[in-house]
């Protein structure tokens, strides 16, 4: 085999590997979804549903899996908040929600997730409202 053909094959394999490379978050999500036998469509539907509610134990345990695999919650159910400090906005929300408690770690993970999303959406709504109010103050007719 000539050098050019070998190089072409090597580059093709390299680009396919890069194109199919997954982020650590995607790998963890897929692992947890597989562990709790959840289809992507079920997870997507849960993520879009408001208000944030579910009775599905597998979804709640999937959330626990995401937190523990990401090292954001330890095996005892304690939140490892220093991991959150990388993202200042998320750190602020997580500190507000770190007091959620439940002996069932799947339920605790769900309550934490719910708290963060509710606080995030409330903050975004407030910022949007304040932005509109500030925009109208400067206009004189």
N, C-alpha and C. Protein backbone atom coordinates (compact mmCIF):
# COMPACT_ATOMS: atom_id res chain seq x y z
N UNK A 1 0.86 -1.18 0.00
CA UNK A 1 0.00 0.00 0.00
C UNK A 1 0.90 1.24 0.00
N UNK A 2 0.56 2.18 -0.83
CA UNK A 2 1.40 3.37 -0.92
C UNK A 2 1.19 4.26 0.31
N UNK A 3 2.14 5.13 0.50
CA UNK A 3 2.10 6.04 1.64
C UNK A 3 0.86 6.94 1.58
N UNK A 4 0.51 7.43 0.38
CA UNK A 4 -0.65 8.32 0.23
C UNK A 4 -1.95 7.61 0.62
N UNK A 5 -2.09 6.36 0.22
CA UNK A 5 -3.31 5.60 0.56
C UNK A 5 -3.37 5.36 2.06
N UNK A 6 -2.23 4.97 2.63
CA UNK A 6 -2.18 4.73 4.08
C UNK A 6 -2.52 6.00 4.85
N UNK A 7 -1.96 7.12 4.40
CA UNK A 7 -2.23 8.40 5.05
C UNK A 7 -3.70 8.78 4.91
N UNK A 8 -4.27 8.56 3.74
CA UNK A 8 -5.69 8.86 3.51
C UNK A 8 -6.59 8.04 4.42
N UNK A 9 -6.28 6.75 4.55
CA UNK A 9 -7.06 5.88 5.43
C UNK A 9 -6.93 6.34 6.87
N UNK A 10 -5.72 6.66 7.29
CA UNK A 10 -5.48 7.12 8.66
C UNK A 10 -6.25 8.41 8.94
N UNK A 11 -6.20 9.35 8.01
CA UNK A 11 -6.93 10.61 8.19
C UNK A 11 -8.44 10.39 8.22
N UNK A 12 -8.94 9.51 7.38
CA UNK A 12 -10.37 9.21 7.36
C UNK A 12 -10.81 8.64 8.71
N UNK A 13 -10.02 7.71 9.24
CA UNK A 13 -10.33 7.11 10.55
C UNK A 13 -10.29 8.19 11.63
N UNK A 14 -9.30 9.06 11.57
CA UNK A 14 -9.15 10.13 12.54
C UNK A 14 -10.36 11.07 12.53
N UNK A 15 -10.80 11.48 11.33
CA UNK A 15 -11.94 12.40 11.23
C UNK A 15 -13.25 11.74 11.66
N UNK A 16 -13.41 10.47 11.39
CA UNK A 16 -14.60 9.75 11.84
C UNK A 16 -14.60 9.69 13.37
N UNK A 17 -13.43 9.43 13.95
CA UNK A 17 -13.32 9.37 15.42
C UNK A 17 -13.66 10.72 16.04
N UNK A 18 -13.18 11.80 15.44
CA UNK A 18 -13.47 13.14 15.97
C UNK A 18 -14.95 13.46 15.82
N UNK A 19 -15.53 13.14 14.68
CA UNK A 19 -16.94 13.44 14.42
C UNK A 19 -17.85 12.69 15.38
N UNK A 20 -17.45 11.50 15.78
CA UNK A 20 -18.31 10.71 16.66
C UNK A 20 -17.94 10.88 18.13
N UNK A 21 -16.95 11.71 18.42
CA UNK A 21 -16.53 11.93 19.80
C UNK A 21 -17.67 12.57 20.59
N UNK A 22 -17.85 12.09 21.79
CA UNK A 22 -18.92 12.61 22.65
C UNK A 22 -18.31 13.37 23.81
N UNK A 23 -19.05 14.35 24.29
CA UNK A 23 -18.59 15.10 25.45
C UNK A 23 -18.74 14.22 26.69
N UNK A 24 -18.01 14.54 27.76
CA UNK A 24 -18.18 13.77 29.00
C UNK A 24 -19.64 13.77 29.49
N UNK A 25 -20.33 14.91 29.34
CA UNK A 25 -21.74 14.98 29.77
C UNK A 25 -22.61 14.03 28.96
N UNK A 26 -22.36 13.94 27.65
CA UNK A 26 -23.14 13.02 26.81
C UNK A 26 -22.88 11.57 27.19
N UNK A 27 -21.63 11.27 27.49
CA UNK A 27 -21.28 9.90 27.89
C UNK A 27 -21.97 9.53 29.19
N UNK A 28 -21.95 10.44 30.16
CA UNK A 28 -22.61 10.19 31.45
C UNK A 28 -24.11 10.06 31.26
N UNK A 29 -24.70 10.94 30.47
CA UNK A 29 -26.14 10.89 30.24
C UNK A 29 -26.55 9.56 29.61
N UNK A 30 -25.80 9.12 28.61
CA UNK A 30 -26.11 7.84 27.96
C UNK A 30 -25.95 6.67 28.93
N UNK A 31 -24.90 6.71 29.75
CA UNK A 31 -24.67 5.65 30.73
C UNK A 31 -25.83 5.57 31.72
N UNK A 32 -26.24 6.72 32.23
CA UNK A 32 -27.33 6.76 33.21
C UNK A 32 -28.67 6.37 32.58
N UNK A 33 -28.91 6.82 31.37
CA UNK A 33 -30.15 6.46 30.67
C UNK A 33 -30.21 4.95 30.46
N UNK A 34 -29.09 4.37 30.09
CA UNK A 34 -29.03 2.92 29.87
C UNK A 34 -29.25 2.18 31.19
N UNK A 35 -28.61 2.67 32.25
CA UNK A 35 -28.73 2.04 33.57
C UNK A 35 -30.18 2.00 34.05
N UNK A 36 -30.94 3.06 33.76
CA UNK A 36 -32.33 3.14 34.21
C UNK A 36 -33.34 2.89 33.08
N UNK A 37 -32.84 2.35 31.99
CA UNK A 37 -33.68 1.93 30.85
C UNK A 37 -34.61 3.05 30.38
N UNK A 38 -34.02 4.22 30.14
CA UNK A 38 -34.79 5.37 29.68
C UNK A 38 -34.41 5.72 28.25
N UNK A 39 -35.42 5.88 27.42
CA UNK A 39 -35.21 6.31 26.04
C UNK A 39 -34.96 7.82 26.03
N UNK A 40 -34.20 8.28 25.05
CA UNK A 40 -33.90 9.71 24.92
C UNK A 40 -35.18 10.54 24.85
N UNK A 41 -36.20 10.04 24.17
CA UNK A 41 -37.47 10.76 24.03
C UNK A 41 -38.13 11.00 25.39
N UNK A 42 -38.03 10.02 26.29
CA UNK A 42 -38.61 10.16 27.63
C UNK A 42 -37.87 11.24 28.41
N UNK A 43 -36.55 11.23 28.31
CA UNK A 43 -35.73 12.24 29.00
C UNK A 43 -36.01 13.63 28.42
N UNK A 44 -36.06 13.72 27.10
CA UNK A 44 -36.35 15.02 26.45
C UNK A 44 -37.71 15.56 26.87
N UNK A 45 -38.71 14.69 26.93
CA UNK A 45 -40.06 15.11 27.34
C UNK A 45 -40.03 15.62 28.78
N UNK A 46 -39.35 14.89 29.67
CA UNK A 46 -39.23 15.32 31.06
C UNK A 46 -38.57 16.69 31.13
N UNK A 47 -37.49 16.89 30.38
CA UNK A 47 -36.75 18.15 30.42
C UNK A 47 -37.57 19.34 29.92
N UNK A 48 -38.57 19.09 29.09
CA UNK A 48 -39.40 20.17 28.54
C UNK A 48 -40.68 20.40 29.32
N UNK A 49 -41.04 19.47 30.20
CA UNK A 49 -42.31 19.55 30.92
C UNK A 49 -42.24 20.57 32.05
N UNK A 50 -43.23 21.44 32.09
CA UNK A 50 -43.37 22.41 33.19
C UNK A 50 -44.82 22.37 33.63
N UNK A 51 -45.13 22.41 34.89
CA UNK A 51 -44.18 22.44 35.99
C UNK A 51 -43.39 21.14 36.08
N UNK A 52 -42.26 21.23 36.75
CA UNK A 52 -41.33 20.10 36.84
C UNK A 52 -41.87 19.08 37.83
N UNK A 53 -42.47 18.06 37.32
CA UNK A 53 -43.04 16.99 38.16
C UNK A 53 -42.88 15.65 37.45
N UNK A 54 -42.72 14.62 38.24
CA UNK A 54 -42.74 13.25 37.71
C UNK A 54 -42.90 12.28 38.87
N UNK A 55 -43.57 11.21 38.60
CA UNK A 55 -43.67 10.12 39.57
C UNK A 55 -42.77 8.96 39.14
N UNK A 56 -42.13 9.13 37.98
CA UNK A 56 -41.28 8.09 37.40
C UNK A 56 -39.98 7.95 38.20
N UNK A 57 -39.88 6.86 38.94
CA UNK A 57 -38.70 6.60 39.78
C UNK A 57 -37.43 6.51 38.93
N UNK A 58 -37.55 5.98 37.71
CA UNK A 58 -36.36 5.86 36.86
C UNK A 58 -35.81 7.22 36.45
N UNK A 59 -36.69 8.19 36.21
CA UNK A 59 -36.24 9.56 35.89
C UNK A 59 -35.50 10.13 37.09
N UNK A 60 -36.06 9.96 38.28
CA UNK A 60 -35.44 10.49 39.49
C UNK A 60 -34.08 9.84 39.73
N UNK A 61 -34.00 8.54 39.52
CA UNK A 61 -32.73 7.84 39.71
C UNK A 61 -31.73 8.18 38.60
N UNK A 62 -32.23 8.48 37.42
CA UNK A 62 -31.39 8.96 36.32
C UNK A 62 -30.73 10.28 36.75
N UNK A 63 -31.50 11.18 37.37
CA UNK A 63 -30.95 12.45 37.84
C UNK A 63 -29.90 12.21 38.92
N UNK A 64 -30.16 11.27 39.83
CA UNK A 64 -29.17 10.93 40.86
C UNK A 64 -27.90 10.41 40.20
N UNK A 65 -28.05 9.57 39.21
CA UNK A 65 -26.91 9.03 38.47
C UNK A 65 -26.11 10.16 37.82
N UNK A 66 -26.79 11.10 37.19
CA UNK A 66 -26.09 12.23 36.56
C UNK A 66 -25.27 13.00 37.58
N UNK A 67 -25.88 13.27 38.74
CA UNK A 67 -25.18 14.03 39.78
C UNK A 67 -24.00 13.26 40.36
N UNK A 68 -24.19 11.97 40.62
CA UNK A 68 -23.10 11.19 41.22
C UNK A 68 -21.98 10.92 40.21
N UNK A 69 -22.34 10.60 38.98
CA UNK A 69 -21.32 10.34 37.95
C UNK A 69 -20.54 11.61 37.62
N UNK A 70 -21.17 12.76 37.76
CA UNK A 70 -20.51 14.04 37.50
C UNK A 70 -19.77 14.54 38.74
N UNK A 71 -19.82 13.76 39.80
CA UNK A 71 -19.16 14.09 41.07
C UNK A 71 -19.74 15.36 41.70
N UNK A 72 -21.02 15.62 41.43
CA UNK A 72 -21.70 16.77 42.02
C UNK A 72 -22.46 16.37 43.28
N UNK A 73 -22.63 15.07 43.46
CA UNK A 73 -23.26 14.52 44.66
C UNK A 73 -22.49 13.24 44.98
N UNK A 74 -22.17 13.05 46.27
CA UNK A 74 -21.44 11.83 46.60
C UNK A 74 -22.40 10.69 46.93
N UNK A 75 -21.86 9.54 47.24
CA UNK A 75 -22.67 8.34 47.48
C UNK A 75 -23.57 8.48 48.70
N UNK A 76 -23.24 9.40 49.61
CA UNK A 76 -24.07 9.64 50.79
C UNK A 76 -25.20 10.63 50.49
N UNK A 77 -25.18 11.20 49.30
CA UNK A 77 -26.21 12.17 48.93
C UNK A 77 -25.84 13.60 49.29
N UNK A 78 -24.58 13.83 49.62
CA UNK A 78 -24.12 15.18 49.95
C UNK A 78 -23.69 15.87 48.65
N UNK A 79 -24.14 17.10 48.49
CA UNK A 79 -23.78 17.85 47.29
C UNK A 79 -22.36 18.37 47.44
N UNK A 80 -21.56 18.17 46.43
CA UNK A 80 -20.17 18.63 46.44
C UNK A 80 -20.11 19.95 45.69
N UNK A 81 -20.53 20.98 46.38
CA UNK A 81 -20.72 22.29 45.76
C UNK A 81 -19.46 22.93 45.20
N UNK A 82 -18.26 22.63 45.70
CA UNK A 82 -17.09 23.21 45.02
C UNK A 82 -17.05 22.88 43.53
N UNK A 83 -17.61 21.75 43.13
CA UNK A 83 -17.67 21.39 41.72
C UNK A 83 -18.54 22.37 40.94
N UNK A 84 -19.49 22.99 41.62
CA UNK A 84 -20.39 23.92 40.96
C UNK A 84 -19.74 25.28 40.72
N UNK A 85 -18.66 25.58 41.42
CA UNK A 85 -18.05 26.90 41.36
C UNK A 85 -17.51 27.24 39.97
N UNK A 86 -17.30 26.24 39.13
CA UNK A 86 -16.81 26.49 37.77
C UNK A 86 -17.79 27.35 36.98
N UNK A 87 -19.06 27.23 37.29
CA UNK A 87 -20.11 27.97 36.59
C UNK A 87 -20.77 28.88 37.62
N UNK A 88 -20.41 30.17 37.59
CA UNK A 88 -20.86 31.11 38.62
C UNK A 88 -22.39 31.18 38.74
N UNK A 89 -23.07 31.22 37.60
CA UNK A 89 -24.53 31.30 37.61
C UNK A 89 -25.13 30.05 38.26
N UNK A 90 -24.58 28.89 37.90
CA UNK A 90 -25.08 27.64 38.46
C UNK A 90 -24.71 27.53 39.94
N UNK A 91 -23.54 28.04 40.33
CA UNK A 91 -23.11 28.00 41.73
C UNK A 91 -24.10 28.76 42.61
N UNK A 92 -24.53 29.92 42.13
CA UNK A 92 -25.50 30.74 42.87
C UNK A 92 -26.80 29.97 43.09
N UNK A 93 -27.30 29.34 42.04
CA UNK A 93 -28.54 28.57 42.14
C UNK A 93 -28.37 27.34 43.01
N UNK A 94 -27.24 26.66 42.87
CA UNK A 94 -27.03 25.43 43.62
C UNK A 94 -26.93 25.69 45.12
N UNK A 95 -26.31 26.80 45.51
CA UNK A 95 -26.23 27.12 46.93
C UNK A 95 -27.62 27.37 47.52
N UNK A 96 -28.50 27.94 46.73
CA UNK A 96 -29.86 28.19 47.19
C UNK A 96 -30.65 26.89 47.36
N UNK A 97 -30.23 25.84 46.66
CA UNK A 97 -30.99 24.57 46.66
C UNK A 97 -30.30 23.45 47.43
N UNK A 98 -29.13 23.69 47.96
CA UNK A 98 -28.36 22.61 48.59
C UNK A 98 -29.01 22.04 49.85
N UNK A 99 -30.00 22.72 50.38
CA UNK A 99 -30.64 22.25 51.61
C UNK A 99 -31.76 21.25 51.37
N UNK A 100 -32.10 20.97 50.10
CA UNK A 100 -33.15 19.97 49.87
C UNK A 100 -32.71 18.67 50.51
N UNK A 101 -33.67 17.96 51.08
CA UNK A 101 -33.29 16.75 51.78
C UNK A 101 -34.34 15.68 51.61
N UNK A 102 -33.87 14.46 51.51
CA UNK A 102 -34.75 13.30 51.43
C UNK A 102 -33.87 12.08 51.64
N UNK A 103 -34.35 11.12 52.40
CA UNK A 103 -33.58 9.89 52.64
C UNK A 103 -33.39 9.10 51.35
N UNK A 104 -34.36 9.19 50.44
CA UNK A 104 -34.27 8.54 49.14
C UNK A 104 -33.43 9.43 48.23
N UNK A 105 -32.24 8.97 47.87
CA UNK A 105 -31.32 9.81 47.10
C UNK A 105 -31.82 10.12 45.70
N UNK A 106 -32.64 9.25 45.13
CA UNK A 106 -33.24 9.55 43.82
C UNK A 106 -34.20 10.73 43.96
N UNK A 107 -35.00 10.70 45.01
CA UNK A 107 -35.95 11.79 45.28
C UNK A 107 -35.19 13.08 45.59
N UNK A 108 -34.11 12.97 46.36
CA UNK A 108 -33.31 14.14 46.71
C UNK A 108 -32.72 14.78 45.45
N UNK A 109 -32.21 13.96 44.54
CA UNK A 109 -31.65 14.47 43.29
C UNK A 109 -32.73 15.17 42.48
N UNK A 110 -33.92 14.58 42.44
CA UNK A 110 -35.04 15.20 41.72
C UNK A 110 -35.41 16.54 42.34
N UNK A 111 -35.51 16.60 43.67
CA UNK A 111 -35.87 17.85 44.35
C UNK A 111 -34.82 18.94 44.10
N UNK A 112 -33.55 18.55 44.09
CA UNK A 112 -32.47 19.48 43.82
C UNK A 112 -32.59 20.01 42.38
N UNK A 113 -32.79 19.12 41.45
CA UNK A 113 -32.95 19.48 40.03
C UNK A 113 -34.14 20.43 39.87
N UNK A 114 -35.24 20.08 40.49
CA UNK A 114 -36.46 20.89 40.41
C UNK A 114 -36.22 22.28 41.00
N UNK A 115 -35.59 22.33 42.15
CA UNK A 115 -35.31 23.61 42.81
C UNK A 115 -34.45 24.51 41.92
N UNK A 116 -33.40 23.94 41.36
CA UNK A 116 -32.51 24.73 40.51
C UNK A 116 -33.25 25.26 39.28
N UNK A 117 -34.01 24.40 38.63
CA UNK A 117 -34.74 24.86 37.44
C UNK A 117 -35.77 25.93 37.78
N UNK A 118 -36.48 25.76 38.89
CA UNK A 118 -37.48 26.76 39.28
C UNK A 118 -36.82 28.09 39.60
N UNK A 119 -35.70 28.06 40.32
CA UNK A 119 -34.99 29.30 40.66
C UNK A 119 -34.41 29.95 39.39
N UNK A 120 -33.88 29.13 38.49
CA UNK A 120 -33.31 29.64 37.24
C UNK A 120 -34.40 30.32 36.40
N UNK A 121 -35.54 29.66 36.27
CA UNK A 121 -36.63 30.21 35.46
C UNK A 121 -37.20 31.47 36.11
N UNK A 122 -37.29 31.50 37.44
CA UNK A 122 -37.79 32.69 38.13
C UNK A 122 -36.82 33.86 37.94
N UNK A 123 -35.52 33.57 38.04
CA UNK A 123 -34.51 34.61 37.87
C UNK A 123 -34.53 35.14 36.43
N UNK A 124 -34.63 34.25 35.46
CA UNK A 124 -34.68 34.67 34.05
C UNK A 124 -35.93 35.50 33.78
N UNK A 125 -37.05 35.11 34.37
CA UNK A 125 -38.29 35.87 34.21
C UNK A 125 -38.17 37.25 34.80
N UNK A 126 -37.54 37.35 35.97
CA UNK A 126 -37.35 38.63 36.64
C UNK A 126 -36.42 39.53 35.81
N UNK A 127 -35.33 38.94 35.30
CA UNK A 127 -34.39 39.71 34.49
C UNK A 127 -35.05 40.20 33.20
N UNK A 128 -35.87 39.37 32.61
CA UNK A 128 -36.58 39.74 31.38
C UNK A 128 -37.54 40.90 31.66
N UNK A 129 -38.26 40.80 32.78
CA UNK A 129 -39.22 41.83 33.17
C UNK A 129 -38.49 43.15 33.45
N UNK A 130 -37.36 43.07 34.17
CA UNK A 130 -36.58 44.27 34.48
C UNK A 130 -36.00 44.88 33.22
N UNK A 131 -35.60 44.03 32.27
CA UNK A 131 -35.05 44.51 31.00
C UNK A 131 -36.08 45.28 30.20
N UNK A 132 -37.31 44.78 30.18
CA UNK A 132 -38.40 45.46 29.47
C UNK A 132 -38.72 46.78 30.15
N UNK A 133 -38.74 46.78 31.49
CA UNK A 133 -39.04 48.01 32.23
C UNK A 133 -37.95 49.05 31.98
N UNK A 134 -36.70 48.64 31.97
CA UNK A 134 -35.59 49.57 31.74
C UNK A 134 -35.65 50.12 30.31
N UNK A 135 -36.07 49.31 29.37
CA UNK A 135 -36.18 49.74 27.98
C UNK A 135 -37.24 50.79 27.77
N UNK A 136 -38.30 50.75 28.56
CA UNK A 136 -39.40 51.70 28.42
C UNK A 136 -39.12 53.01 29.14
N UNK A 137 -38.24 53.04 30.13
CA UNK A 137 -37.96 54.25 30.89
C UNK A 137 -37.30 55.33 30.04
N UNK A 138 -36.43 54.91 29.14
CA UNK A 138 -35.68 55.88 28.35
C UNK A 138 -36.44 56.45 27.16
N UNK A 139 -37.62 55.98 26.86
CA UNK A 139 -38.38 56.43 25.69
C UNK A 139 -39.37 57.53 26.07
N UNK A 140 -39.23 58.70 25.41
CA UNK A 140 -40.19 59.79 25.63
C UNK A 140 -40.89 60.06 24.31
N UNK A 141 -42.17 60.33 24.38
CA UNK A 141 -42.91 60.61 23.15
C UNK A 141 -43.58 61.93 23.22
